[in-house]
Amino acid sequence: VNIDHAATFRNARGTSYPNPLRAAEIAINAGANFITAHLREDRRHIIPEKREELTTEGGLDIFNIYSKLSSIIEKMHSSDIKVSQFIDPNINQLKYLEKLKMKPDTIEIHTGNYCYNPLEKKLQLIINATEYINKLGIECHAGHGITYKQSQCCLCS
């Protein structure tokens, strides 16, 4: 269960509620297997790299931060926290995963470019990225703006 939207609502309202931690508690009590949170200093997200973004509009720039990633992942793993990174389907970015001593548990491929303009070549980038990530032995997910209809196209490819 992704609790980020509780923080998005809170920030849009300019209030202290809804509380993302309370949303996580409710989800866990209802039987959720995992909680996803992308918290940053303003309690909204870590990953939006531009402060003006309300939600992530692109994947993590591994190229510019890969030297820090292994230590961050190691700290989180030492606290039994699974690590997922949201990354564009760009093989040149994904190659930096090979350089990490500690790898994330999951990669979520950013599908926004395909979702907003569903061209076959953009779908192929997602497929290539997924295959690459799977070869690294990392669990792979895809999302951000994808609709039911678009997901059916992905399944058929």
C-alpha atoms as a PDB file:
ATOM      1  CA  VAL A   1       0.000   0.000   0.000  1.00  0.00           C
ATOM      2  CA  ASN A   2       1.405   3.357  -1.046  1.00  0.00           C
ATOM      3  CA  ILE A   3       0.771   5.910   1.706  1.00  0.00           C
ATOM      4  CA  ASP A   4       2.295   8.843  -0.189  1.00  0.00           C
ATOM      5  CA  HIS A   5      -1.099  10.176  -1.182  1.00  0.00           C
ATOM      6  CA  ALA A   6      -2.002  10.770   2.457  1.00  0.00           C
ATOM      7  CA  ALA A   7       0.936  13.188   2.560  1.00  0.00           C
ATOM      8  CA  THR A   8      -0.082  14.715  -0.787  1.00  0.00           C
ATOM      9  CA  PHE A   9      -3.585  15.435   0.542  1.00  0.00           C
ATOM     10  CA  ARG A  10      -2.156  16.842   3.769  1.00  0.00           C
ATOM     11  CA  ASN A  11       0.200  19.165   1.900  1.00  0.00           C
ATOM     12  CA  ALA A  12      -2.478  20.286  -0.555  1.00  0.00           C
ATOM     13  CA  ARG A  13      -4.745  21.174   2.378  1.00  0.00           C
ATOM     14  CA  GLY A  14      -1.956  22.838   4.341  1.00  0.00           C
ATOM     15  CA  THR A  15      -2.895  20.842   7.448  1.00  0.00           C
ATOM     16  CA  SER A  16      -1.279  18.244   9.672  1.00  0.00           C
ATOM     17  CA  TYR A  17      -3.700  15.546   8.508  1.00  0.00           C
ATOM     18  CA  PRO A  18      -4.147  12.997   7.133  1.00  0.00           C
ATOM     19  CA  ASN A  19      -1.160  11.476   8.880  1.00  0.00           C
ATOM     20  CA  PRO A  20       0.837   9.049   6.675  1.00  0.00           C
ATOM     21  CA  LEU A  21       1.920   7.017   9.705  1.00  0.00           C
ATOM     22  CA  ARG A  22      -1.702   6.555  10.737  1.00  0.00           C
ATOM     23  CA  ALA A  23      -2.508   5.530   7.139  1.00  0.00           C
ATOM     24  CA  ALA A  24       0.261   2.912   7.357  1.00  0.00           C
ATOM     25  CA  GLU A  25      -1.113   1.601  10.669  1.00  0.00           C
ATOM     26  CA  ILE A  26      -4.594   1.287   9.172  1.00  0.00           C
ATOM     27  CA  ALA A  27      -3.217  -0.528   6.117  1.00  0.00           C
ATOM     28  CA  ILE A  28      -1.162  -2.951   8.239  1.00  0.00           C
ATOM     29  CA  ASN A  29      -4.128  -3.669  10.499  1.00  0.00           C
ATOM     30  CA  ALA A  30      -6.206  -4.345   7.374  1.00  0.00           C
ATOM     31  CA  GLY A  31      -3.665  -6.945   6.208  1.00  0.00           C
ATOM     32  CA  ALA A  32      -1.268  -5.070   3.907  1.00  0.00           C
ATOM     33  CA  ASN A  33       1.898  -7.019   3.140  1.00  0.00           C
ATOM     34  CA  PHE A  34       4.032  -3.954   2.415  1.00  0.00           C
ATOM     35  CA  ILE A  35       3.924  -0.217   2.987  1.00  0.00           C
ATOM     36  CA  THR A  36       5.475   2.124   0.446  1.00  0.00           C
ATOM     37  CA  ALA A  37       6.577   5.575   1.566  1.00  0.00           C
ATOM     38  CA  HIS A  38       8.823   8.037  -0.213  1.00  0.00           C
ATOM     39  CA  LEU A  39       9.382  10.541   2.552  1.00  0.00           C
ATOM     40  CA  ARG A  40      11.692  13.529   2.283  1.00  0.00           C
ATOM     41  CA  GLU A  41      12.425  16.505   4.490  1.00  0.00           C
ATOM     42  CA  ASP A  42       9.065  18.129   3.863  1.00  0.00           C
ATOM     43  CA  ARG A  43       7.426  14.770   4.736  1.00  0.00           C
ATOM     44  CA  ARG A  44       6.143  14.388   1.178  1.00  0.00           C
ATOM     45  CA  HIS A  45       8.638  12.255  -0.795  1.00  0.00           C
ATOM     46  CA  ILE A  46      12.373  11.615  -0.973  1.00  0.00           C
ATOM     47  CA  ILE A  47      12.422  10.900  -4.658  1.00  0.00           C
ATOM     48  CA  PRO A  48      10.896  13.940  -6.368  1.00  0.00           C
ATOM     49  CA  GLU A  49      14.118  15.656  -7.178  1.00  0.00           C
ATOM     50  CA  LYS A  50      12.440  18.988  -7.864  1.00  0.00           C
ATOM     51  CA  ARG A  51      10.739  20.640  -4.903  1.00  0.00           C
ATOM     52  CA  GLU A  52       7.873  21.908  -7.051  1.00  0.00           C
ATOM     53  CA  GLU A  53       6.797  18.374  -7.983  1.00  0.00           C
ATOM     54  CA  LEU A  54       3.684  17.169  -6.199  1.00  0.00           C
ATOM     55  CA  THR A  55       4.467  13.616  -7.211  1.00  0.00           C
ATOM     56  CA  THR A  56       7.422  11.988  -8.884  1.00  0.00           C
ATOM     57  CA  GLU A  57       7.589  13.039 -12.521  1.00  0.00           C
ATOM     58  CA  GLY A  58      10.627  10.995 -13.432  1.00  0.00           C
ATOM     59  CA  GLY A  59      12.894   8.296 -12.156  1.00  0.00           C
ATOM     60  CA  LEU A  60      15.757   8.585  -9.715  1.00  0.00           C
ATOM     61  CA  ASP A  61      18.957   9.902 -11.310  1.00  0.00           C
ATOM     62  CA  ILE A  62      21.245   7.005 -10.411  1.00  0.00           C
ATOM     63  CA  PHE A  63      24.126   8.448 -12.419  1.00  0.00           C
ATOM     64  CA  ASN A  64      24.500  11.421 -10.081  1.00  0.00           C
ATOM     65  CA  ILE A  65      23.930   9.643  -6.760  1.00  0.00           C
ATOM     66  CA  TYR A  66      25.116   6.057  -7.195  1.00  0.00           C
ATOM     67  CA  SER A  67      28.191   6.669  -4.996  1.00  0.00           C
ATOM     68  CA  LYS A  68      25.842   7.256  -2.026  1.00  0.00           C
ATOM     69  CA  LEU A  69      23.284   4.554  -2.793  1.00  0.00           C
ATOM     70  CA  SER A  70      25.120   1.489  -1.449  1.00  0.00           C
ATOM     71  CA  SER A  71      25.571   3.014   2.002  1.00  0.00           C
ATOM     72  CA  ILE A  72      21.938   4.183   2.116  1.00  0.00           C
ATOM     73  CA  ILE A  73      20.698   0.754   1.040  1.00  0.00           C
ATOM     74  CA  GLU A  74      22.991  -0.941   3.569  1.00  0.00           C
ATOM     75  CA  LYS A  75      21.653   1.232   6.424  1.00  0.00           C
ATOM     76  CA  MET A  76      18.072   0.479   5.460  1.00  0.00           C
ATOM     77  CA  HIS A  77      18.730  -3.244   5.103  1.00  0.00           C
ATOM     78  CA  SER A  78      20.378  -3.284   8.547  1.00  0.00           C
ATOM     79  CA  SER A  79      17.018  -2.085   9.925  1.00  0.00           C
ATOM     80  CA  ASP A  80      15.127  -4.761   7.945  1.00  0.00           C
ATOM     81  CA  ILE A  81      13.727  -2.171   5.553  1.00  0.00           C
ATOM     82  CA  LYS A  82      13.280  -3.276   1.969  1.00  0.00           C
ATOM     83  CA  VAL A  83      14.512  -0.771  -0.584  1.00  0.00           C
ATOM     84  CA  SER A  84      12.742   0.055  -3.823  1.00  0.00           C
ATOM     85  CA  GLN A  85      13.974   2.593  -6.333  1.00  0.00           C
ATOM     86  CA  PHE A  86      11.867   4.356  -8.949  1.00  0.00           C
ATOM     87  CA  ILE A  87      13.911   4.588 -12.156  1.00  0.00           C
ATOM     88  CA  ASP A  88      13.320   5.598 -15.781  1.00  0.00           C
ATOM     89  CA  PRO A  89      13.605   2.781 -18.345  1.00  0.00           C
ATOM     90  CA  ASN A  90      17.040   4.002 -19.394  1.00  0.00           C
ATOM     91  CA  ILE A  91      19.653   1.248 -19.739  1.00  0.00           C
ATOM     92  CA  ASN A  92      22.498   3.750 -19.298  1.00  0.00           C
ATOM     93  CA  GLN A  93      21.070   4.687 -15.871  1.00  0.00           C
ATOM     94  CA  LEU A  94      20.323   1.081 -14.968  1.00  0.00           C
ATOM     95  CA  LYS A  95      23.927   0.017 -15.670  1.00  0.00           C
ATOM     96  CA  TYR A  96      24.934   1.872 -12.508  1.00  0.00           C
ATOM     97  CA  LEU A  97      23.024  -0.743 -10.499  1.00  0.00           C
ATOM     98  CA  GLU A  98      25.815  -3.182 -11.352  1.00  0.00           C
ATOM     99  CA  LYS A  99      28.316  -0.912  -9.580  1.00  0.00           C
ATOM    100  CA  LEU A 100      26.418  -0.944  -6.291  1.00  0.00           C
ATOM    101  CA  LYS A 101      27.825  -3.125  -3.490  1.00  0.00           C
ATOM    102  CA  MET A 102      24.351  -3.255  -1.949  1.00  0.00           C
ATOM    103  CA  LYS A 103      21.517  -3.479  -4.415  1.00  0.00           C
ATOM    104  CA  PRO A 104      17.899  -2.464  -3.908  1.00  0.00           C
ATOM    105  CA  ASP A 105      15.335  -5.201  -3.359  1.00  0.00           C
ATOM    106  CA  THR A 106      13.045  -3.811  -6.030  1.00  0.00           C
ATOM    107  CA  ILE A 107      13.148  -1.438  -8.966  1.00  0.00           C
ATOM    108  CA  GLU A 108       9.971   0.261 -10.147  1.00  0.00           C
ATOM    109  CA  ILE A 109      10.233   1.318 -13.760  1.00  0.00           C
ATOM    110  CA  HIS A 110       8.776   4.764 -14.438  1.00  0.00           C
ATOM    111  CA  THR A 111       6.139   4.253 -17.146  1.00  0.00           C
ATOM    112  CA  GLY A 112       4.929   7.854 -17.352  1.00  0.00           C
ATOM    113  CA  ASN A 113       6.478   8.662 -20.731  1.00  0.00           C
ATOM    114  CA  TYR A 114       4.766   5.632 -22.246  1.00  0.00           C
ATOM    115  CA  CYS A 115       1.464   6.280 -20.470  1.00  0.00           C
ATOM    116  CA  TYR A 116       1.192   9.855 -21.669  1.00  0.00           C
ATOM    117  CA  ASN A 117       2.262   8.981 -25.231  1.00  0.00           C
ATOM    118  CA  PRO A 118       1.882   5.208 -25.796  1.00  0.00           C
ATOM    119  CA  LEU A 119       4.294   4.570 -28.627  1.00  0.00           C
ATOM    120  CA  GLU A 120       5.684   1.099 -29.310  1.00  0.00           C
ATOM    121  CA  LYS A 121       9.289   2.319 -28.936  1.00  0.00           C
ATOM    122  CA  LYS A 122       8.504   3.614 -25.420  1.00  0.00           C
ATOM    123  CA  LEU A 123       6.942   0.297 -24.490  1.00  0.00           C
ATOM    124  CA  GLN A 124      10.053  -1.453 -25.798  1.00  0.00           C
ATOM    125  CA  LEU A 125      12.220   0.677 -23.474  1.00  0.00           C
ATOM    126  CA  ILE A 126      10.151  -0.582 -20.529  1.00  0.00           C
ATOM    127  CA  ILE A 127      10.451  -4.185 -21.701  1.00  0.00           C
ATOM    128  CA  ASN A 128      14.231  -3.868 -22.209  1.00  0.00           C
ATOM    129  CA  ALA A 129      14.657  -2.269 -18.773  1.00  0.00           C
ATOM    130  CA  THR A 130      12.588  -5.005 -17.139  1.00  0.00           C
ATOM    131  CA  GLU A 131      14.661  -7.739 -18.783  1.00  0.00           C
ATOM    132  CA  TYR A 132      17.889  -6.009 -17.700  1.00  0.00           C
ATOM    133  CA  ILE A 133      16.738  -5.653 -14.095  1.00  0.00           C
ATOM    134  CA  ASN A 134      15.602  -9.270 -13.977  1.00  0.00           C
ATOM    135  CA  LYS A 135      19.054 -10.384 -15.198  1.00  0.00           C
ATOM    136  CA  LEU A 136      20.542  -8.543 -12.197  1.00  0.00           C
ATOM    137  CA  GLY A 137      18.321 -10.615  -9.918  1.00  0.00           C
ATOM    138  CA  ILE A 138      16.347  -7.595  -8.716  1.00  0.00           C
ATOM    139  CA  GLU A 139      12.558  -7.712  -8.441  1.00  0.00           C
ATOM    140  CA  CYS A 140      10.987  -5.433 -11.023  1.00  0.00           C
ATOM    141  CA  HIS A 141       7.712  -3.483 -10.952  1.00  0.00           C
ATOM    142  CA  ALA A 142       6.339  -0.847 -13.323  1.00  0.00           C
ATOM    143  CA  GLY A 143       4.089   2.102 -12.743  1.00  0.00           C
ATOM    144  CA  HIS A 144       3.202   5.792 -12.682  1.00  0.00           C
ATOM    145  CA  GLY A 145       0.196   6.784 -14.688  1.00  0.00           C
ATOM    146  CA  ILE A 146      -0.369   3.377 -16.206  1.00  0.00           C
ATOM    147  CA  THR A 147      -3.990   2.466 -16.858  1.00  0.00           C
ATOM    148  CA  TYR A 148      -5.671  -0.907 -16.962  1.00  0.00           C
ATOM    149  CA  LYS A 149      -5.790  -0.770 -20.770  1.00  0.00           C
ATOM    150  CA  GLN A 150      -2.088   0.102 -21.029  1.00  0.00           C
ATOM    151  CA  SER A 151      -1.155  -2.637 -18.582  1.00  0.00           C
ATOM    152  CA  GLN A 152      -2.892  -5.140 -20.859  1.00  0.00           C
ATOM    153  CA  CYS A 153      -0.668  -3.988 -23.728  1.00  0.00           C
ATOM    154  CA  CYS A 154       2.385  -4.519 -21.541  1.00  0.00           C
ATOM    155  CA  LEU A 155       1.275  -8.029 -20.646  1.00  0.00           C
ATOM    156  CA  CYS A 156       0.813  -8.949 -24.284  1.00  0.00           C
ATOM    157  CA  SER A 157       4.265  -7.754 -25.339  1.00  0.00           C
END
